[in-house]
């Protein structure tokens, strides 16, 4: 996938089968497994060689280019072997796909708003998604991100977190030990020939492109986080297992944070003049809002289910919990709170003291000239509500 507005689509399942997709391994597919192992080892060796001592973005750009090339090789293998492109050509109406998953629980108007939100962010849904189509689509998102990140004003630290996120996704589906894994001379030579596919864009195109690609990465990591949190719920009677699942869910929350720093890597004026008006123009009477992001809302529901299950098992008084339970849950909650704090900072950078589109529309509906509640105030309250363990 090249960096182009025309083919910028993330294909997602209705989500009934996301757990199954998130945990499928590729070990049985020998050549594909070898390519992914080689990719993981190549990137990790390059990171180790530097000692992770990066201070300038340009030091990471060579690594970004290697990532793009390696993903391209893996995708060609997947597409040739499993006819993924033919599968992704199937089209379904988003609202029909969502209604199959949610049934009547949301109502027609809310489902319609979910569909409008999907359409703006260029998300296409299908009722059933083959694993290799899903995995190829995940790789496409990361490839597009690392093609563009070379010109995005994102911090070195968040840049490294995004690379770590990609490696974690790969290890989910190919978790073989890399200790004795060698990189062939052919692979190293191949990576000396670098070609990126960044295409010129106008300021408006690039702003919307980056906002959407960053949200695609956010959604992918949200899906994996939700899957591992559901695994933790299912394994609640096996403490060692659910601790591990909760730890993995925490990692994916952190990757959503880095995704949003990338998505918002432009000036506040670009957000105010280009991105925000584009969202505000969407035909949602209550106003464009993250509350119509299906994956975000589903993850919030799963978080609440997990919290309630922990309370049911160990009680609401966290000081009386076993120490290992407290440590596992407090680590998860801390990462979740840090994510909320980061979103609040992003909103402060982009909107200042302005109200969200949703709050603005709400004020208009009640006959007020403007909302007295800013985006940052709302996000601070959301972040406060994430603290369900006394840290």
Protein backbone atom coordinates (compact mmCIF):
# COMPACT_ATOMS: atom_id res chain seq x y z
CA UNK A 1 0.00 0.00 0.00
CA UNK A 2 1.40 3.37 -0.93
CA UNK A 3 0.60 6.58 0.90
CA UNK A 4 -2.49 7.63 -1.01
CA UNK A 5 -5.92 8.86 0.03
CA UNK A 6 -7.55 6.62 -2.57
CA UNK A 7 -6.63 3.27 -1.04
CA UNK A 8 -6.61 4.31 2.62
CA UNK A 9 -9.10 1.83 4.07
CA UNK A 10 -8.95 -0.34 7.17
CA UNK A 11 -11.00 -3.52 6.80
CA UNK A 12 -12.44 -4.74 10.11
CA UNK A 13 -14.69 -7.64 11.08
CA UNK A 14 -18.01 -7.12 12.82
CA UNK A 15 -15.86 -8.09 15.82
CA UNK A 16 -17.69 -11.22 16.90
CA UNK A 17 -14.60 -13.20 15.85
CA UNK A 18 -11.85 -10.76 16.85
CA UNK A 19 -10.51 -12.92 19.69
CA UNK A 20 -10.04 -15.81 17.30
CA UNK A 21 -8.26 -13.54 14.81
CA UNK A 22 -6.05 -11.89 17.40
CA UNK A 23 -4.56 -15.12 18.67
CA UNK A 24 -4.08 -17.19 15.53
CA UNK A 25 -0.48 -18.26 15.01
CA UNK A 26 1.37 -18.66 11.75
CA UNK A 27 3.76 -21.43 12.77
CA UNK A 28 2.13 -23.97 10.46
CA UNK A 29 2.85 -21.77 7.45
CA UNK A 30 6.58 -22.37 7.17
CA UNK A 31 7.71 -19.72 4.68
CA UNK A 32 5.49 -17.03 6.15
CA UNK A 33 6.66 -17.92 9.64
CA UNK A 34 10.31 -17.69 8.52
CA UNK A 35 9.76 -14.26 7.00
CA UNK A 36 8.15 -12.93 10.16
CA UNK A 37 10.78 -14.41 12.44
CA UNK A 38 13.46 -12.88 10.26
CA UNK A 39 11.70 -9.51 10.34
CA UNK A 40 11.42 -9.55 14.14
CA UNK A 41 15.05 -10.55 14.59
CA UNK A 42 16.28 -7.97 12.05
CA UNK A 43 14.52 -5.07 13.78
CA UNK A 44 15.43 -6.22 17.27
CA UNK A 45 19.11 -6.60 16.30
CA UNK A 46 19.18 -3.11 14.85
CA UNK A 47 17.59 -1.74 18.02
CA UNK A 48 20.02 -3.64 20.25
CA UNK A 49 23.02 -2.55 18.18
CA UNK A 50 22.14 1.08 18.82
CA UNK A 51 21.53 0.37 22.49
CA UNK A 52 18.19 2.14 21.96
CA UNK A 53 20.21 5.37 22.24
CA UNK A 54 18.34 7.47 19.71
CA UNK A 55 18.25 11.24 19.96
CA UNK A 56 17.38 12.38 16.41
CA UNK A 57 14.48 11.31 14.25
CA UNK A 58 16.72 10.80 11.22
CA UNK A 59 18.51 8.03 13.12
CA UNK A 60 15.26 6.07 13.06
CA UNK A 61 14.39 6.72 9.43
CA UNK A 62 16.64 3.98 8.09
CA UNK A 63 14.87 1.59 10.43
CA UNK A 64 11.48 2.85 9.20
CA UNK A 65 12.52 2.11 5.62
CA UNK A 66 13.62 -1.41 6.53
CA UNK A 67 10.25 -1.96 8.22
CA UNK A 68 8.38 -0.80 5.11
CA UNK A 69 10.38 -3.15 2.85
CA UNK A 70 9.99 -6.14 5.18
CA UNK A 71 6.24 -5.65 5.47
CA UNK A 72 6.02 -5.44 1.70
CA UNK A 73 7.80 -8.82 1.39
CA UNK A 74 5.52 -10.47 3.97
CA UNK A 75 2.39 -9.03 2.36
CA UNK A 76 3.36 -10.33 -1.07
CA UNK A 77 3.77 -13.79 0.44
CA UNK A 78 0.35 -13.59 2.14
CA UNK A 79 -1.42 -12.19 -0.89
CA UNK A 80 0.11 -14.70 -3.29
CA UNK A 81 -0.61 -17.67 -1.04
CA UNK A 82 -4.10 -16.79 0.21
CA UNK A 83 -5.64 -14.50 -2.47
CA UNK A 84 -6.21 -11.82 0.17
CA UNK A 85 -6.81 -9.05 -2.35
CA UNK A 86 -9.76 -10.91 -3.82
CA UNK A 87 -11.28 -11.28 -0.36
CA UNK A 88 -10.91 -7.60 0.50
CA UNK A 89 -12.76 -6.59 -2.66
CA UNK A 90 -15.99 -7.79 -1.04
CA UNK A 91 -18.18 -4.86 -0.04
CA UNK A 92 -20.87 -4.73 2.63
CA UNK A 93 -22.87 -1.87 4.06
CA UNK A 94 -21.22 -0.90 7.36
CA UNK A 95 -24.51 -0.37 9.14
CA UNK A 96 -25.65 -3.88 8.17
CA UNK A 97 -22.42 -5.39 9.52
CA UNK A 98 -22.68 -3.45 12.78
CA UNK A 99 -26.33 -4.36 13.23
CA UNK A 100 -25.45 -8.07 12.92
CA UNK A 101 -23.03 -7.66 15.82
CA UNK A 102 -24.98 -5.27 18.06
CA UNK A 103 -28.51 -6.36 17.18
CA UNK A 104 -31.10 -3.94 18.57
CA UNK A 105 -29.00 -2.90 21.57
CA UNK A 106 -27.93 0.47 20.12
CA UNK A 107 -30.91 1.58 18.06
CA UNK A 108 -31.03 2.67 14.42
CA UNK A 109 -29.88 6.28 14.99
CA UNK A 110 -26.81 5.27 16.99
CA UNK A 111 -25.87 2.57 14.48
CA UNK A 112 -26.16 5.17 11.73
CA UNK A 113 -23.79 7.47 13.65
CA UNK A 114 -21.34 4.59 14.09
CA UNK A 115 -21.47 4.05 10.32
CA UNK A 116 -20.85 7.77 9.63
CA UNK A 117 -17.88 7.69 12.02
CA UNK A 118 -16.52 4.64 10.17
CA UNK A 119 -16.99 6.32 6.81
CA UNK A 120 -15.11 9.45 7.86
CA UNK A 121 -12.14 7.43 9.11
CA UNK A 122 -12.29 5.18 6.03
CA UNK A 123 -13.13 1.99 7.89
CA UNK A 124 -14.85 -0.77 5.97
CA UNK A 125 -16.43 -3.70 7.83
CA UNK A 126 -17.29 -7.23 6.78
CA UNK A 127 -19.34 -9.81 8.67
CA UNK A 128 -16.63 -12.46 8.52
CA UNK A 129 -12.96 -11.71 8.02
CA UNK A 130 -10.44 -14.39 7.14
CA UNK A 131 -7.36 -14.31 9.38
CA UNK A 132 -4.89 -13.66 6.56
CA UNK A 133 -7.00 -10.82 5.20
CA UNK A 134 -7.11 -9.34 8.70
CA UNK A 135 -3.36 -9.76 9.23
CA UNK A 136 -2.50 -8.34 5.82
CA UNK A 137 -4.68 -5.33 6.57
CA UNK A 138 -2.95 -4.80 9.92
CA UNK A 139 0.40 -4.88 8.15
CA UNK A 140 -0.88 -2.39 5.55
CA UNK A 141 -1.70 0.08 8.29
CA UNK A 142 1.75 -0.22 9.84
CA UNK A 143 3.42 0.02 6.45
CA UNK A 144 1.52 3.21 5.65
CA UNK A 145 2.33 4.65 9.08
CA UNK A 146 6.06 3.96 8.77
CA UNK A 147 6.13 5.38 5.25
CA UNK A 148 4.73 8.66 6.57
CA UNK A 149 6.32 8.83 10.02
CA UNK A 150 9.61 9.88 8.44
CA UNK A 151 8.10 13.32 7.86
CA UNK A 152 5.88 13.48 10.97
CA UNK A 153 6.98 15.68 13.90
CA UNK A 154 6.55 12.95 16.51
CA UNK A 155 8.88 12.45 19.48
CA UNK A 156 11.65 9.85 19.29
CA UNK A 157 10.15 8.06 22.30
CA UNK A 158 6.68 7.65 20.78
CA UNK A 159 8.32 6.64 17.49
CA UNK A 160 10.09 3.79 19.31
CA UNK A 161 6.85 2.77 21.06
CA UNK A 162 5.16 2.42 17.65
CA UNK A 163 8.00 0.16 16.47
CA UNK A 164 7.63 -1.88 19.65
CA UNK A 165 3.89 -2.11 18.98
CA UNK A 166 4.49 -3.59 15.55
CA UNK A 167 6.94 -6.14 16.99
CA UNK A 168 4.38 -7.09 19.64
CA UNK A 169 1.67 -7.65 17.02
CA UNK A 170 4.07 -9.87 15.06
CA UNK A 171 4.99 -11.83 18.19
CA UNK A 172 1.30 -12.42 18.98
CA UNK A 173 1.01 -14.43 15.78
CA UNK A 174 4.54 -15.83 15.74
CA UNK A 175 5.91 -16.29 19.25
CA UNK A 176 8.85 -18.55 18.51
CA UNK A 177 12.06 -17.90 20.43
CA UNK A 178 14.44 -15.70 18.42
CA UNK A 179 17.57 -16.48 20.45
CA UNK A 180 19.17 -18.72 17.82
CA UNK A 181 17.44 -17.22 14.81
CA UNK A 182 19.91 -16.15 12.14
CA UNK A 183 19.39 -13.48 9.49
CA UNK A 184 20.47 -14.63 6.07
CA UNK A 185 22.93 -12.65 3.95
CA UNK A 186 20.27 -12.39 1.26
CA UNK A 187 17.91 -10.64 3.67
CA UNK A 188 20.56 -8.18 4.78
CA UNK A 189 21.50 -7.34 1.18
CA UNK A 190 17.86 -6.90 0.28
CA UNK A 191 17.49 -4.29 3.02
CA UNK A 192 20.29 -2.19 1.55
CA UNK A 193 17.97 -1.42 -1.36
CA UNK A 194 15.36 0.91 0.05
CA UNK A 195 12.36 2.37 -1.72
CA UNK A 196 9.52 4.25 -0.08
CA UNK A 197 6.23 5.10 -1.73
CA UNK A 198 5.42 8.46 -0.19
CA UNK A 199 3.38 10.52 -2.62
CA UNK A 200 3.10 14.31 -2.61
CA UNK A 201 0.00 15.63 -0.87
CA UNK A 202 -1.49 19.00 -0.16
CA UNK A 203 -1.49 20.20 3.45
CA UNK A 204 -5.20 19.35 3.71
CA UNK A 205 -4.71 15.85 2.28
CA UNK A 206 -1.75 15.10 4.53
CA UNK A 207 -3.49 16.32 7.68
CA UNK A 208 -6.56 14.15 7.09
CA UNK A 209 -4.37 11.26 5.93
CA UNK A 210 -2.28 11.30 9.12
CA UNK A 211 -5.36 11.75 11.34
CA UNK A 212 -6.94 8.68 9.73
CA UNK A 213 -3.86 6.46 9.62
CA UNK A 214 -3.19 7.23 13.29
CA UNK A 215 -6.76 6.28 14.13
CA UNK A 216 -6.37 3.06 12.14
CA UNK A 217 -3.36 2.16 14.29
CA UNK A 218 -5.36 3.17 17.37
CA UNK A 219 -8.23 0.86 16.36
CA UNK A 220 -5.95 -2.09 15.64
CA UNK A 221 -4.28 -1.82 19.03
CA UNK A 222 -7.68 -1.35 20.66
CA UNK A 223 -8.84 -4.62 19.07
CA UNK A 224 -5.84 -6.52 20.42
CA UNK A 225 -6.23 -4.90 23.85
CA UNK A 226 -9.90 -5.88 23.97
CA UNK A 227 -9.09 -9.45 22.93
CA UNK A 228 -6.49 -9.90 25.69
CA UNK A 229 -8.76 -8.30 28.27
CA UNK A 230 -11.47 -10.77 27.30
CA UNK A 231 -8.93 -13.60 27.66
CA UNK A 232 -8.17 -12.29 31.17
CA UNK A 233 -11.89 -12.38 32.01
CA UNK A 234 -12.20 -15.95 30.77
CA UNK A 235 -9.12 -17.02 32.76
CA UNK A 236 -10.11 -15.29 36.01
CA UNK A 237 -9.84 -18.53 38.00
CA UNK A 238 -6.23 -19.03 36.88
CA UNK A 239 -4.33 -16.10 38.35
CA UNK A 240 -1.01 -16.61 36.58
CA UNK A 241 -2.76 -16.78 33.21
CA UNK A 242 -4.93 -13.71 33.64
CA UNK A 243 -1.99 -11.69 34.99
CA UNK A 244 -0.17 -12.41 31.74
CA UNK A 245 -3.19 -11.51 29.59
CA UNK A 246 -3.72 -8.28 31.55
CA UNK A 247 -0.07 -7.35 31.07
CA UNK A 248 -0.43 -7.79 27.30
CA UNK A 249 -3.62 -5.71 27.29
CA UNK A 250 -1.68 -2.94 29.08
CA UNK A 251 0.94 -2.93 26.34
CA UNK A 252 -1.69 -2.44 23.66
CA UNK A 253 -3.22 0.47 25.57
CA UNK A 254 0.21 2.11 25.49
CA UNK A 255 0.41 1.54 21.73
CA UNK A 256 -2.95 3.30 21.28
CA UNK A 257 -1.43 6.31 23.04
CA UNK A 258 1.53 6.43 20.66
CA UNK A 259 -0.87 6.05 17.72
CA UNK A 260 -2.72 9.19 18.77
CA UNK A 261 0.49 11.19 19.18
CA UNK A 262 1.30 10.25 15.59
CA UNK A 263 -2.25 11.02 14.41
CA UNK A 264 -2.05 14.52 15.88
CA UNK A 265 1.46 15.35 14.68
CA UNK A 266 0.57 18.66 13.07
CA UNK A 267 -0.07 22.19 14.29
CA UNK A 268 -3.15 23.31 16.18
CA UNK A 269 -4.03 25.62 13.29
CA UNK A 270 -4.16 22.65 10.90
CA UNK A 271 -6.50 20.89 13.30
CA UNK A 272 -8.71 23.97 13.68
CA UNK A 273 -8.82 24.86 9.98
CA UNK A 274 -8.84 21.41 8.35
CA UNK A 275 -9.40 18.38 10.58
CA UNK A 276 -12.02 19.66 13.01
CA UNK A 277 -14.23 21.27 10.30
CA UNK A 278 -14.09 18.02 8.29
CA UNK A 279 -15.39 16.07 11.30
CA UNK A 280 -17.95 18.74 12.23
CA UNK A 281 -19.38 18.56 8.70
CA UNK A 282 -20.41 14.93 9.15
CA UNK A 283 -24.22 14.45 9.30
CA UNK A 284 -24.48 13.50 12.97
CA UNK A 285 -27.08 15.64 14.74
CA UNK A 286 -25.47 15.25 18.17
CA UNK A 287 -22.04 16.05 16.77
CA UNK A 288 -19.06 13.96 15.70
CA UNK A 289 -17.64 12.15 18.72
CA UNK A 290 -15.40 9.31 19.86
CA UNK A 291 -18.51 7.82 21.48
CA UNK A 292 -19.35 6.59 17.98
CA UNK A 293 -16.04 4.74 17.68
CA UNK A 294 -17.18 1.10 17.86
CA UNK A 295 -13.84 -0.34 19.01
CA UNK A 296 -13.29 2.34 21.67
CA UNK A 297 -16.79 1.84 23.09
CA UNK A 298 -16.44 -1.94 23.05
CA UNK A 299 -13.14 -1.74 24.92
CA UNK A 300 -14.72 0.53 27.56
CA UNK A 301 -17.44 -2.09 28.04
CA UNK A 302 -14.84 -4.86 28.42
CA UNK A 303 -12.84 -2.76 30.91
CA UNK A 304 -15.98 -2.33 33.02
CA UNK A 305 -16.71 -6.06 32.85
CA UNK A 306 -13.17 -6.85 33.98
CA UNK A 307 -13.29 -4.33 36.84
CA UNK A 308 -16.65 -5.68 38.06
CA UNK A 309 -15.34 -9.25 37.87
CA UNK A 310 -12.27 -8.34 39.96
CA UNK A 311 -14.51 -6.65 42.54
CA UNK A 312 -16.77 -9.72 42.61
CA UNK A 313 -13.77 -12.01 43.19
CA UNK A 314 -11.71 -9.92 45.61
CA UNK A 315 -14.05 -7.23 46.94
CA UNK A 316 -14.07 -3.46 46.37
CA UNK A 317 -11.52 -2.70 49.12
CA UNK A 318 -8.28 -2.89 47.17
CA UNK A 319 -6.09 -2.79 50.28
CA UNK A 320 -7.42 -6.24 51.16
CA UNK A 321 -6.50 -7.81 47.82
CA UNK A 322 -3.65 -10.31 47.51
CA UNK A 323 -0.50 -8.39 46.65
CA UNK A 324 -0.04 -9.96 43.20
CA UNK A 325 -3.65 -9.14 42.27
CA UNK A 326 -3.16 -5.54 43.40
CA UNK A 327 0.10 -5.19 41.45
CA UNK A 328 -1.38 -6.66 38.24
CA UNK A 329 -4.49 -4.46 38.35
CA UNK A 330 -2.72 -1.29 39.48
CA UNK A 331 -0.21 -1.60 36.62
CA UNK A 332 -3.08 -1.88 34.13
CA UNK A 333 -4.95 1.06 35.67
CA UNK A 334 -1.78 3.21 35.72
CA UNK A 335 -1.18 2.67 31.99
CA UNK A 336 -4.87 3.38 31.30
CA UNK A 337 -4.72 6.61 33.29
CA UNK A 338 -1.52 7.69 31.52
CA UNK A 339 -3.32 7.10 28.22
CA UNK A 340 -6.16 9.36 29.35
CA UNK A 341 -3.67 12.01 30.45
CA UNK A 342 -1.97 11.86 27.05
CA UNK A 343 -5.30 12.29 25.26
CA UNK A 344 -6.04 15.27 27.49
CA UNK A 345 -2.69 16.84 26.56
CA UNK A 346 -3.33 16.21 22.86
CA UNK A 347 -6.74 17.89 23.16
CA UNK A 348 -5.15 20.82 25.03
CA UNK A 349 -2.58 21.21 22.25
CA UNK A 350 -5.13 21.06 19.44
CA UNK A 351 -8.24 22.71 20.91
CA UNK A 352 -7.03 24.85 23.80
CA UNK A 353 -10.08 25.72 25.89
CA UNK A 354 -12.60 25.09 23.09
CA UNK A 355 -15.54 22.74 23.50
CA UNK A 356 -15.68 19.45 21.64
CA UNK A 357 -17.90 19.18 18.56
CA UNK A 358 -20.33 17.12 20.63
CA UNK A 359 -20.46 19.66 23.48
CA UNK A 360 -20.86 22.52 21.02
CA UNK A 361 -23.82 20.84 19.33
CA UNK A 362 -25.33 20.01 22.73
CA UNK A 363 -25.14 23.67 23.75
CA UNK A 364 -26.83 24.75 20.51
CA UNK A 365 -29.64 22.25 21.07
CA UNK A 366 -30.29 23.83 24.49
CA UNK A 367 -30.29 27.34 23.04
CA UNK A 368 -26.89 28.38 24.36
CA UNK A 369 -24.43 30.42 22.34
CA UNK A 370 -21.54 28.19 23.36
CA UNK A 371 -20.65 25.35 25.67
CA UNK A 372 -18.97 26.20 28.95
CA UNK A 373 -17.33 22.74 29.05
CA UNK A 374 -14.06 22.29 27.17
CA UNK A 375 -12.74 19.12 25.56
CA UNK A 376 -9.95 18.95 28.11
CA UNK A 377 -12.41 19.14 31.02
CA UNK A 378 -14.38 16.21 29.61
CA UNK A 379 -11.22 14.18 29.05
CA UNK A 380 -9.95 14.90 32.57
CA UNK A 381 -13.20 13.51 33.97
CA UNK A 382 -12.98 10.43 31.74
CA UNK A 383 -9.40 9.91 32.95
CA UNK A 384 -10.45 10.33 36.58
CA UNK A 385 -13.09 7.64 36.14
CA UNK A 386 -10.40 5.17 35.00
CA UNK A 387 -8.96 5.03 38.51
CA UNK A 388 -10.65 1.99 40.06
CA UNK A 389 -7.60 0.87 42.05
CA UNK A 390 -6.09 2.99 44.84
CA UNK A 391 -2.65 3.57 43.35
